[in-house]
């Protein structure tokens, strides 16, 4: 081969390796997107917009959990952050279930168990309470003085499943963690709650739907009990390659972690358990009042379900995944189809007066945990009401809330996420 041919071949090989390296980096970034700490992102907003220093709340480990087999992926104790309520909120309880993706293979779960989403050894000792967890009336008008708890996520299956892999040293004990946390909190005063709200973000939002009726059963009928799922409306959608990437992921999680028994039998008696892991097949059968807060163009679902790198063979969606403003007209049309699917999936759910709905046409993910989207001067709105006011109106039965925003690009109140 001539020197020029060798040079050309070497450059071609180098280019292929660079493409592979960048592709793997993007895939890892998308897989890790759910691992991003929303409160870390929001600290930038807190520091930049003049909010007071947020309340920092310490980690409490559930000491009796190990005896019940309720442990994280690595066998460590699960935990939560708890700030006591006071005054009019002393007998009111808000439980927030942390999100953090899923692991459906031994390899991914082994990775997760070395992070805060698989081991309490890696969890922050203190986290800021902001958004729906804030202790300031000017930031969280309806829930600021409640007992507020954030339960950390370390099982990789939305607080569901009950299995283990002894060879790999992995414990899939999400259901037991949920039960141990509830028992511990009931012993600390939640048993006397006059009103209680179970909420969750992303994978925690899915967990809030799965466990909503279980949560209701913990209390007397006289207790006002409701549930809020933020960015938890994951759809069984066809991706840009014509396959179902999220169904494949959920299928591996359900199978590996033994999730079937954690799912409502009202669903598994008629559908495959994998389909019952999708909220669109669960929400109509949830008996407890439920509020769905979701962005119509959920950024996590765009990045990891609709147009993941594994389905985007020619990288046509690379720029669009990062920045909605760089999406082509056909790509926006494709995303409008996803929004339409979301609205269809909530049609029967929204007919019940007890349920609430706030679907804004934003490129966002988890809007109750960020102060700028939950309650601030320029928070997203539908009509004349923002997210915090809408959730409060629904919880206290002040106003019925069935809010659906107009499609992109008409909503000018969005705090759209852009990834550099």
Protein backbone atom coordinates (compact mmCIF):
# COMPACT_ATOMS: atom_id res chain seq x y z
CA UNK A 1 0.00 0.00 0.00
CA UNK A 2 1.28 3.48 -0.84
CA UNK A 3 2.13 5.92 1.92
CA UNK A 4 -0.90 7.97 0.90
CA UNK A 5 -3.12 4.88 1.09
CA UNK A 6 -1.78 4.03 4.51
CA UNK A 7 -2.38 7.61 5.65
CA UNK A 8 -5.93 7.58 4.29
CA UNK A 9 -6.65 4.21 5.91
CA UNK A 10 -5.25 5.42 9.21
CA UNK A 11 -7.35 8.58 9.11
CA UNK A 12 -10.46 6.53 8.30
CA UNK A 13 -9.78 4.19 11.22
CA UNK A 14 -9.16 7.15 13.53
CA UNK A 15 -12.41 8.74 12.40
CA UNK A 16 -14.33 5.50 13.02
CA UNK A 17 -12.82 5.24 16.48
CA UNK A 18 -13.71 8.86 17.24
CA UNK A 19 -17.30 8.29 16.12
CA UNK A 20 -17.49 5.18 18.30
CA UNK A 21 -15.99 7.01 21.28
CA UNK A 22 -18.32 9.99 20.97
CA UNK A 23 -21.28 7.68 20.40
CA UNK A 24 -20.51 5.74 23.57
CA UNK A 25 -20.04 8.98 25.48
CA UNK A 26 -23.45 10.24 24.33
CA UNK A 27 -25.07 6.91 25.20
CA UNK A 28 -23.53 7.03 28.68
CA UNK A 29 -24.71 10.63 29.06
CA UNK A 30 -28.29 9.72 28.11
CA UNK A 31 -28.23 6.71 30.45
CA UNK A 32 -26.89 8.95 33.20
CA UNK A 33 -29.28 11.83 32.57
CA UNK A 34 -31.77 10.36 35.00
CA UNK A 35 -28.94 10.22 37.56
CA UNK A 36 -28.67 14.01 37.53
CA UNK A 37 -29.55 15.50 40.88
CA UNK A 38 -32.39 17.92 40.19
CA UNK A 39 -31.60 19.79 43.38
CA UNK A 40 -28.03 20.37 42.18
CA UNK A 41 -29.38 21.93 38.99
CA UNK A 42 -31.79 24.08 40.94
CA UNK A 43 -29.03 25.38 43.22
CA UNK A 44 -27.82 27.37 40.23
CA UNK A 45 -31.22 29.00 40.06
CA UNK A 46 -31.32 29.58 43.81
CA UNK A 47 -27.92 31.24 43.79
CA UNK A 48 -28.54 33.21 40.62
CA UNK A 49 -32.05 34.54 41.22
CA UNK A 50 -31.72 35.86 44.76
CA UNK A 51 -33.46 33.13 46.72
CA UNK A 52 -32.44 32.68 50.31
CA UNK A 53 -30.11 29.85 51.22
CA UNK A 54 -32.26 26.68 51.09
CA UNK A 55 -32.91 24.49 54.09
CA UNK A 56 -30.37 21.65 54.27
CA UNK A 57 -31.78 18.40 55.67
CA UNK A 58 -29.70 15.48 56.91
CA UNK A 59 -29.90 11.83 55.91
CA UNK A 60 -31.59 9.33 58.26
CA UNK A 61 -30.90 5.64 57.72
CA UNK A 62 -33.69 3.15 58.46
CA UNK A 63 -31.89 1.06 61.06
CA UNK A 64 -34.49 -1.70 61.27
CA UNK A 65 -34.61 -2.22 57.51
CA UNK A 66 -31.87 -4.84 57.20
CA UNK A 67 -33.73 -7.30 59.42
CA UNK A 68 -36.62 -7.11 56.93
CA UNK A 69 -34.34 -7.55 53.93
CA UNK A 70 -35.12 -3.97 52.89
CA UNK A 71 -31.73 -2.96 51.53
CA UNK A 72 -30.24 -1.05 48.61
CA UNK A 73 -28.71 -2.78 45.58
CA UNK A 74 -25.42 -3.25 47.46
CA UNK A 75 -27.03 -4.40 50.72
CA UNK A 76 -26.64 -1.06 52.52
CA UNK A 77 -29.43 0.54 54.55
CA UNK A 78 -32.01 2.71 52.77
CA UNK A 79 -32.70 6.21 54.04
CA UNK A 80 -34.64 9.44 53.84
CA UNK A 81 -34.41 13.14 54.69
CA UNK A 82 -37.06 14.36 57.15
CA UNK A 83 -37.99 17.90 58.22
CA UNK A 84 -40.69 18.15 60.88
CA UNK A 85 -43.82 20.15 60.29
CA UNK A 86 -45.14 22.76 62.66
CA UNK A 87 -48.21 24.86 63.42
CA UNK A 88 -51.11 24.17 61.10
CA UNK A 89 -48.99 21.62 59.21
CA UNK A 90 -47.90 19.52 62.19
CA UNK A 91 -50.36 16.73 61.32
CA UNK A 92 -49.88 16.93 57.55
CA UNK A 93 -47.36 14.74 55.72
CA UNK A 94 -45.74 15.02 52.29
CA UNK A 95 -43.68 12.07 51.06
CA UNK A 96 -41.44 12.67 48.04
CA UNK A 97 -40.02 9.59 46.27
CA UNK A 98 -36.68 10.30 44.62
CA UNK A 99 -36.11 9.44 40.96
CA UNK A 100 -32.98 8.09 39.35
CA UNK A 101 -33.58 5.79 36.38
CA UNK A 102 -33.67 2.00 36.33
CA UNK A 103 -31.28 -0.89 35.98
CA UNK A 104 -32.43 -3.95 34.10
CA UNK A 105 -29.20 -5.87 33.59
CA UNK A 106 -26.62 -7.24 36.00
CA UNK A 107 -23.97 -5.00 34.42
CA UNK A 108 -26.02 -1.81 34.85
CA UNK A 109 -27.07 -2.72 38.38
CA UNK A 110 -23.45 -3.39 39.35
CA UNK A 111 -22.67 0.11 38.10
CA UNK A 112 -25.64 1.61 39.96
CA UNK A 113 -24.70 -0.01 43.26
CA UNK A 114 -21.55 2.12 43.28
CA UNK A 115 -23.61 5.32 43.07
CA UNK A 116 -26.11 7.10 45.31
CA UNK A 117 -28.90 5.34 43.40
CA UNK A 118 -27.72 1.94 44.57
CA UNK A 119 -26.03 2.49 47.90
CA UNK A 120 -26.51 4.73 50.92
CA UNK A 121 -22.71 4.86 51.25
CA UNK A 122 -22.69 7.26 48.28
CA UNK A 123 -25.74 9.35 49.21
CA UNK A 124 -25.32 13.00 50.14
CA UNK A 125 -25.40 13.47 53.91
CA UNK A 126 -27.47 16.62 53.43
CA UNK A 127 -29.63 17.83 50.56
CA UNK A 128 -31.47 21.14 49.96
CA UNK A 129 -35.24 21.17 50.39
CA UNK A 130 -36.61 23.37 47.61
CA UNK A 131 -39.65 23.42 45.36
CA UNK A 132 -42.42 21.29 46.82
CA UNK A 133 -40.14 20.53 49.81
CA UNK A 134 -39.28 24.15 50.64
CA UNK A 135 -39.94 25.39 54.18
CA UNK A 136 -40.68 28.94 53.04
CA UNK A 137 -44.24 30.12 52.44
CA UNK A 138 -43.08 32.43 49.64
CA UNK A 139 -41.62 29.42 47.79
CA UNK A 140 -44.12 26.70 48.70
CA UNK A 141 -47.38 28.30 49.88
CA UNK A 142 -49.48 25.19 50.57
CA UNK A 143 -46.97 22.68 51.98
CA UNK A 144 -44.16 24.72 53.55
CA UNK A 145 -44.95 23.80 57.18
CA UNK A 146 -45.90 20.16 56.63
CA UNK A 147 -43.83 17.18 57.68
CA UNK A 148 -41.78 16.79 54.51
CA UNK A 149 -39.79 13.67 53.67
CA UNK A 150 -37.64 12.74 50.69
CA UNK A 151 -37.11 8.98 50.47
CA UNK A 152 -33.87 8.14 48.68
CA UNK A 153 -33.96 5.84 45.68
CA UNK A 154 -31.52 2.93 45.70
CA UNK A 155 -33.25 -0.13 44.22
CA UNK A 156 -33.29 0.66 40.50
CA UNK A 157 -36.91 -0.39 39.93
CA UNK A 158 -39.10 2.49 41.15
CA UNK A 159 -39.42 1.12 44.71
CA UNK A 160 -40.81 -2.16 43.36
CA UNK A 161 -39.59 -5.71 42.92
CA UNK A 162 -38.41 -8.33 45.38
CA UNK A 163 -35.55 -10.54 44.26
CA UNK A 164 -31.78 -10.84 44.39
CA UNK A 165 -28.76 -12.16 42.53
CA UNK A 166 -26.45 -13.77 45.06
CA UNK A 167 -23.66 -14.36 42.56
CA UNK A 168 -23.44 -10.68 41.69
CA UNK A 169 -24.12 -9.50 45.24
CA UNK A 170 -27.20 -7.55 44.15
CA UNK A 171 -30.37 -7.05 46.17
CA UNK A 172 -33.55 -6.07 44.33
CA UNK A 173 -35.67 -5.03 47.28
CA UNK A 174 -37.62 -1.96 46.19
CA UNK A 175 -40.95 -3.19 47.55
CA UNK A 176 -39.42 -3.97 50.92
CA UNK A 177 -37.71 -0.56 51.03
CA UNK A 178 -41.08 1.10 50.39
CA UNK A 179 -42.72 -0.90 53.17
CA UNK A 180 -39.87 -0.36 55.64
CA UNK A 181 -39.90 3.39 55.01
CA UNK A 182 -43.66 3.60 55.51
CA UNK A 183 -43.48 1.57 58.75
CA UNK A 184 -40.68 3.77 60.07
CA UNK A 185 -42.50 7.00 59.26
CA UNK A 186 -45.77 5.72 60.71
CA UNK A 187 -43.92 5.07 63.97
CA UNK A 188 -42.65 8.66 63.90
CA UNK A 189 -46.07 10.25 63.79
CA UNK A 190 -47.42 9.77 60.28
CA UNK A 191 -50.02 7.43 61.75
CA UNK A 192 -51.81 10.51 63.12
CA UNK A 193 -51.86 12.39 59.82
CA UNK A 194 -54.97 14.41 59.04
CA UNK A 195 -53.87 14.78 55.44
CA UNK A 196 -51.10 13.18 53.39
CA UNK A 197 -49.67 13.57 49.89
CA UNK A 198 -47.45 10.97 48.20
CA UNK A 199 -45.39 12.56 45.44
CA UNK A 200 -42.50 11.53 43.26
CA UNK A 201 -40.38 12.70 40.35
CA UNK A 202 -39.52 10.66 37.25
CA UNK A 203 -38.80 7.06 38.36
CA UNK A 204 -40.19 8.26 41.70
CA UNK A 205 -43.24 9.57 39.84
CA UNK A 206 -43.85 6.09 38.44
CA UNK A 207 -43.44 4.73 41.99
CA UNK A 208 -46.02 7.21 43.29
CA UNK A 209 -48.54 5.77 40.82
CA UNK A 210 -47.65 2.14 41.62
CA UNK A 211 -47.92 2.66 45.39
CA UNK A 212 -50.72 5.25 45.48
CA UNK A 213 -53.48 2.92 46.63
CA UNK A 214 -51.13 1.19 49.09
CA UNK A 215 -50.39 4.61 50.57
CA UNK A 216 -54.12 5.30 50.92
CA UNK A 217 -54.60 2.06 52.86
CA UNK A 218 -52.16 3.17 55.56
CA UNK A 219 -54.60 5.76 56.90
CA UNK A 220 -58.16 5.93 58.24
CA UNK A 221 -60.85 6.90 55.75
CA UNK A 222 -61.16 10.25 57.48
CA UNK A 223 -57.62 11.22 56.41
CA UNK A 224 -57.36 13.21 53.19
CA UNK A 225 -54.89 11.19 51.06
CA UNK A 226 -53.84 11.97 47.50
CA UNK A 227 -50.91 11.30 45.14
CA UNK A 228 -48.85 13.42 42.75
CA UNK A 229 -46.76 12.02 39.89
CA UNK A 230 -44.29 14.49 38.38
CA UNK A 231 -42.68 13.49 35.07
CA UNK A 232 -43.76 9.92 35.70
CA UNK A 233 -46.07 9.45 32.72
CA UNK A 234 -43.73 7.23 30.71
CA UNK A 235 -45.32 6.16 27.44
CA UNK A 236 -44.94 2.93 25.53
CA UNK A 237 -43.92 4.75 22.36
CA UNK A 238 -42.31 3.71 19.10
CA UNK A 239 -38.84 5.24 18.76
CA UNK A 240 -37.33 6.82 15.64
CA UNK A 241 -36.09 3.41 14.43
CA UNK A 242 -39.56 1.85 14.68
CA UNK A 243 -38.76 -0.15 17.80
CA UNK A 244 -39.82 0.28 21.42
CA UNK A 245 -36.69 1.16 23.38
CA UNK A 246 -38.44 1.92 26.65
CA UNK A 247 -40.49 -1.29 26.53
CA UNK A 248 -37.23 -3.20 26.19
CA UNK A 249 -35.78 -1.41 29.22
CA UNK A 250 -38.91 -1.84 31.33
CA UNK A 251 -39.14 -5.48 30.31
CA UNK A 252 -35.62 -6.17 31.55
CA UNK A 253 -36.33 -4.35 34.84
CA UNK A 254 -39.59 -6.22 35.47
CA UNK A 255 -37.98 -9.59 34.70
CA UNK A 256 -34.67 -9.12 36.51
CA UNK A 257 -36.04 -7.53 39.66
CA UNK A 258 -39.21 -9.58 40.11
CA UNK A 259 -41.51 -6.58 39.82
CA UNK A 260 -44.73 -8.42 38.89
CA UNK A 261 -46.00 -8.87 42.46
CA UNK A 262 -45.56 -5.16 43.19
CA UNK A 263 -47.88 -4.16 40.36
CA UNK A 264 -51.66 -3.78 40.81
CA UNK A 265 -53.46 -7.03 40.09
CA UNK A 266 -56.23 -5.05 38.42
CA UNK A 267 -53.70 -4.61 35.60
CA UNK A 268 -51.62 -7.81 35.67
CA UNK A 269 -54.78 -9.93 35.59
CA UNK A 270 -55.49 -8.68 32.07
CA UNK A 271 -52.17 -7.44 30.66
CA UNK A 272 -48.55 -8.52 30.49
CA UNK A 273 -46.72 -7.24 33.62
CA UNK A 274 -44.30 -5.34 31.39
CA UNK A 275 -47.17 -3.29 29.98
CA UNK A 276 -48.44 -2.76 33.52
CA UNK A 277 -45.18 -0.96 34.33
CA UNK A 278 -46.30 1.79 31.97
CA UNK A 279 -48.49 4.39 33.75
CA UNK A 280 -50.84 4.67 30.77
CA UNK A 281 -52.15 1.20 31.73
CA UNK A 282 -52.28 1.94 35.46
CA UNK A 283 -53.75 5.40 35.95
CA UNK A 284 -57.36 4.58 35.09
CA UNK A 285 -57.49 1.89 37.80
CA UNK A 286 -55.92 3.95 40.62
CA UNK A 287 -58.73 4.50 43.14
CA UNK A 288 -56.99 7.22 45.15
CA UNK A 289 -57.11 10.80 43.80
CA UNK A 290 -54.08 11.28 41.55
CA UNK A 291 -52.51 14.37 39.95
CA UNK A 292 -50.37 14.05 36.82
CA UNK A 293 -47.82 16.81 36.28
CA UNK A 294 -45.94 16.33 33.02
CA UNK A 295 -44.23 18.17 30.22
CA UNK A 296 -45.75 17.25 26.86
CA UNK A 297 -42.22 17.08 25.44
CA UNK A 298 -40.56 15.32 28.35
CA UNK A 299 -36.82 15.70 27.79
CA UNK A 300 -35.89 12.37 29.36
CA UNK A 301 -38.31 10.49 27.14
CA UNK A 302 -37.03 12.33 24.05
CA UNK A 303 -33.43 11.48 24.92
CA UNK A 304 -33.79 7.92 26.14
CA UNK A 305 -37.07 6.59 24.73
CA UNK A 306 -38.07 8.39 21.53
CA UNK A 307 -34.69 9.18 19.98
CA UNK A 308 -31.97 7.41 21.97
CA UNK A 309 -28.55 7.11 20.30
CA UNK A 310 -29.14 3.36 19.96
CA UNK A 311 -32.10 4.08 17.64
CA UNK A 312 -30.65 7.16 15.93
CA UNK A 313 -28.33 5.33 13.55
CA UNK A 314 -27.36 8.38 11.47
CA UNK A 315 -27.34 10.86 14.34
CA UNK A 316 -30.15 12.84 12.73
CA UNK A 317 -31.51 13.63 16.21
CA UNK A 318 -28.22 14.58 17.82
CA UNK A 319 -28.80 18.35 17.81
CA UNK A 320 -32.54 18.09 18.46
CA UNK A 321 -31.96 15.89 21.51
CA UNK A 322 -29.83 18.60 23.09
CA UNK A 323 -31.74 21.70 22.04
CA UNK A 324 -35.38 21.82 20.95
CA UNK A 325 -34.66 24.99 18.93
CA UNK A 326 -32.48 22.90 16.61
CA UNK A 327 -35.21 20.40 15.79
CA UNK A 328 -36.31 20.29 12.16
CA UNK A 329 -39.94 20.70 11.14
CA UNK A 330 -40.39 16.90 10.65
CA UNK A 331 -38.84 16.28 14.07
CA UNK A 332 -41.19 18.77 15.73
CA UNK A 333 -44.08 17.05 13.93
CA UNK A 334 -42.87 13.71 15.35
CA UNK A 335 -42.78 15.24 18.86
CA UNK A 336 -46.30 16.60 18.35
CA UNK A 337 -47.37 13.03 17.76
CA UNK A 338 -45.83 12.07 21.10
CA UNK A 339 -47.78 14.90 22.78
CA UNK A 340 -50.99 13.65 21.15
CA UNK A 341 -50.28 10.15 22.46
CA UNK A 342 -49.84 11.56 25.96
CA UNK A 343 -53.14 13.41 25.78
CA UNK A 344 -54.95 10.30 24.51
CA UNK A 345 -53.48 8.22 27.34
CA UNK A 346 -54.96 10.61 29.94
CA UNK A 347 -58.40 11.02 28.36
CA UNK A 348 -60.24 8.45 30.49
CA UNK A 349 -58.21 9.41 33.58
CA UNK A 350 -59.21 13.06 33.29
CA UNK A 351 -62.93 12.27 33.21
CA UNK A 352 -62.86 11.53 36.94
CA UNK A 353 -63.51 14.64 39.01
CA UNK A 354 -61.16 13.40 41.75
CA UNK A 355 -58.09 13.45 39.49
CA UNK A 356 -55.96 16.41 38.45
CA UNK A 357 -53.92 17.17 35.37
CA UNK A 358 -51.29 19.75 34.40
CA UNK A 359 -49.65 19.01 31.06
CA UNK A 360 -47.72 21.97 29.74
CA UNK A 361 -46.08 22.07 26.32
CA UNK A 362 -42.55 22.47 27.61
CA UNK A 363 -39.26 20.67 27.06
CA UNK A 364 -38.74 19.82 30.73
CA UNK A 365 -38.48 17.03 33.27
CA UNK A 366 -39.41 17.11 36.97
CA UNK A 367 -41.01 20.50 37.57
CA UNK A 368 -42.08 20.12 41.22
CA UNK A 369 -38.53 19.74 42.54
CA UNK A 370 -37.13 22.89 40.93
CA UNK A 371 -37.92 26.20 42.54
CA UNK A 372 -38.06 28.12 39.26
CA UNK A 373 -40.75 25.83 37.85
CA UNK A 374 -42.63 25.00 41.06
CA UNK A 375 -43.28 28.50 42.42
CA UNK A 376 -41.48 31.66 41.40
CA UNK A 377 -42.22 34.99 39.81
CA UNK A 378 -41.87 33.63 36.26
CA UNK A 379 -42.88 29.98 36.75
CA UNK A 380 -44.63 28.11 33.90
CA UNK A 381 -48.36 28.67 33.73
CA UNK A 382 -51.42 27.35 31.95
CA UNK A 383 -54.00 30.08 31.75
CA UNK A 384 -53.44 32.22 34.81
CA UNK A 385 -52.29 29.48 37.19
CA UNK A 386 -48.86 28.00 37.87
CA UNK A 387 -47.92 24.49 38.96
CA UNK A 388 -47.84 24.98 42.76
CA UNK A 389 -51.17 26.81 42.77
CA UNK A 390 -52.75 24.14 40.56
CA UNK A 391 -51.55 21.28 42.76
CA UNK A 392 -52.71 23.11 45.89
CA UNK A 393 -56.11 23.88 44.40
CA UNK A 394 -56.57 20.22 43.50
CA UNK A 395 -55.36 18.83 46.82
CA UNK A 396 -57.58 21.08 48.93
CA UNK A 397 -60.55 20.81 46.53
CA UNK A 398 -60.54 24.56 45.95
CA UNK A 399 -60.81 24.29 42.16
CA UNK A 400 -60.98 21.38 39.74
CA UNK A 401 -57.74 21.21 37.76
CA UNK A 402 -57.67 19.72 34.25
CA UNK A 403 -55.07 21.96 32.61
CA UNK A 404 -53.60 21.17 29.19
CA UNK A 405 -51.38 23.72 27.48
CA UNK A 406 -51.46 24.54 23.78
CA UNK A 407 -48.82 22.81 21.60
CA UNK A 408 -45.30 24.10 20.98
CA UNK A 409 -44.35 26.86 20.34
CA UNK A 410 -47.25 28.84 21.77
CA UNK A 411 -46.39 28.54 25.50
CA UNK A 412 -44.07 31.43 26.34
CA UNK A 413 -43.88 30.63 30.07
CA UNK A 414 -41.84 27.42 29.74
CA UNK A 415 -38.44 26.93 31.34
CA UNK A 416 -37.15 24.70 28.55
CA UNK A 417 -34.09 22.54 29.20
CA UNK A 418 -31.13 22.85 26.83
CA UNK A 419 -28.17 20.47 27.10
CA UNK A 420 -24.71 21.64 26.15
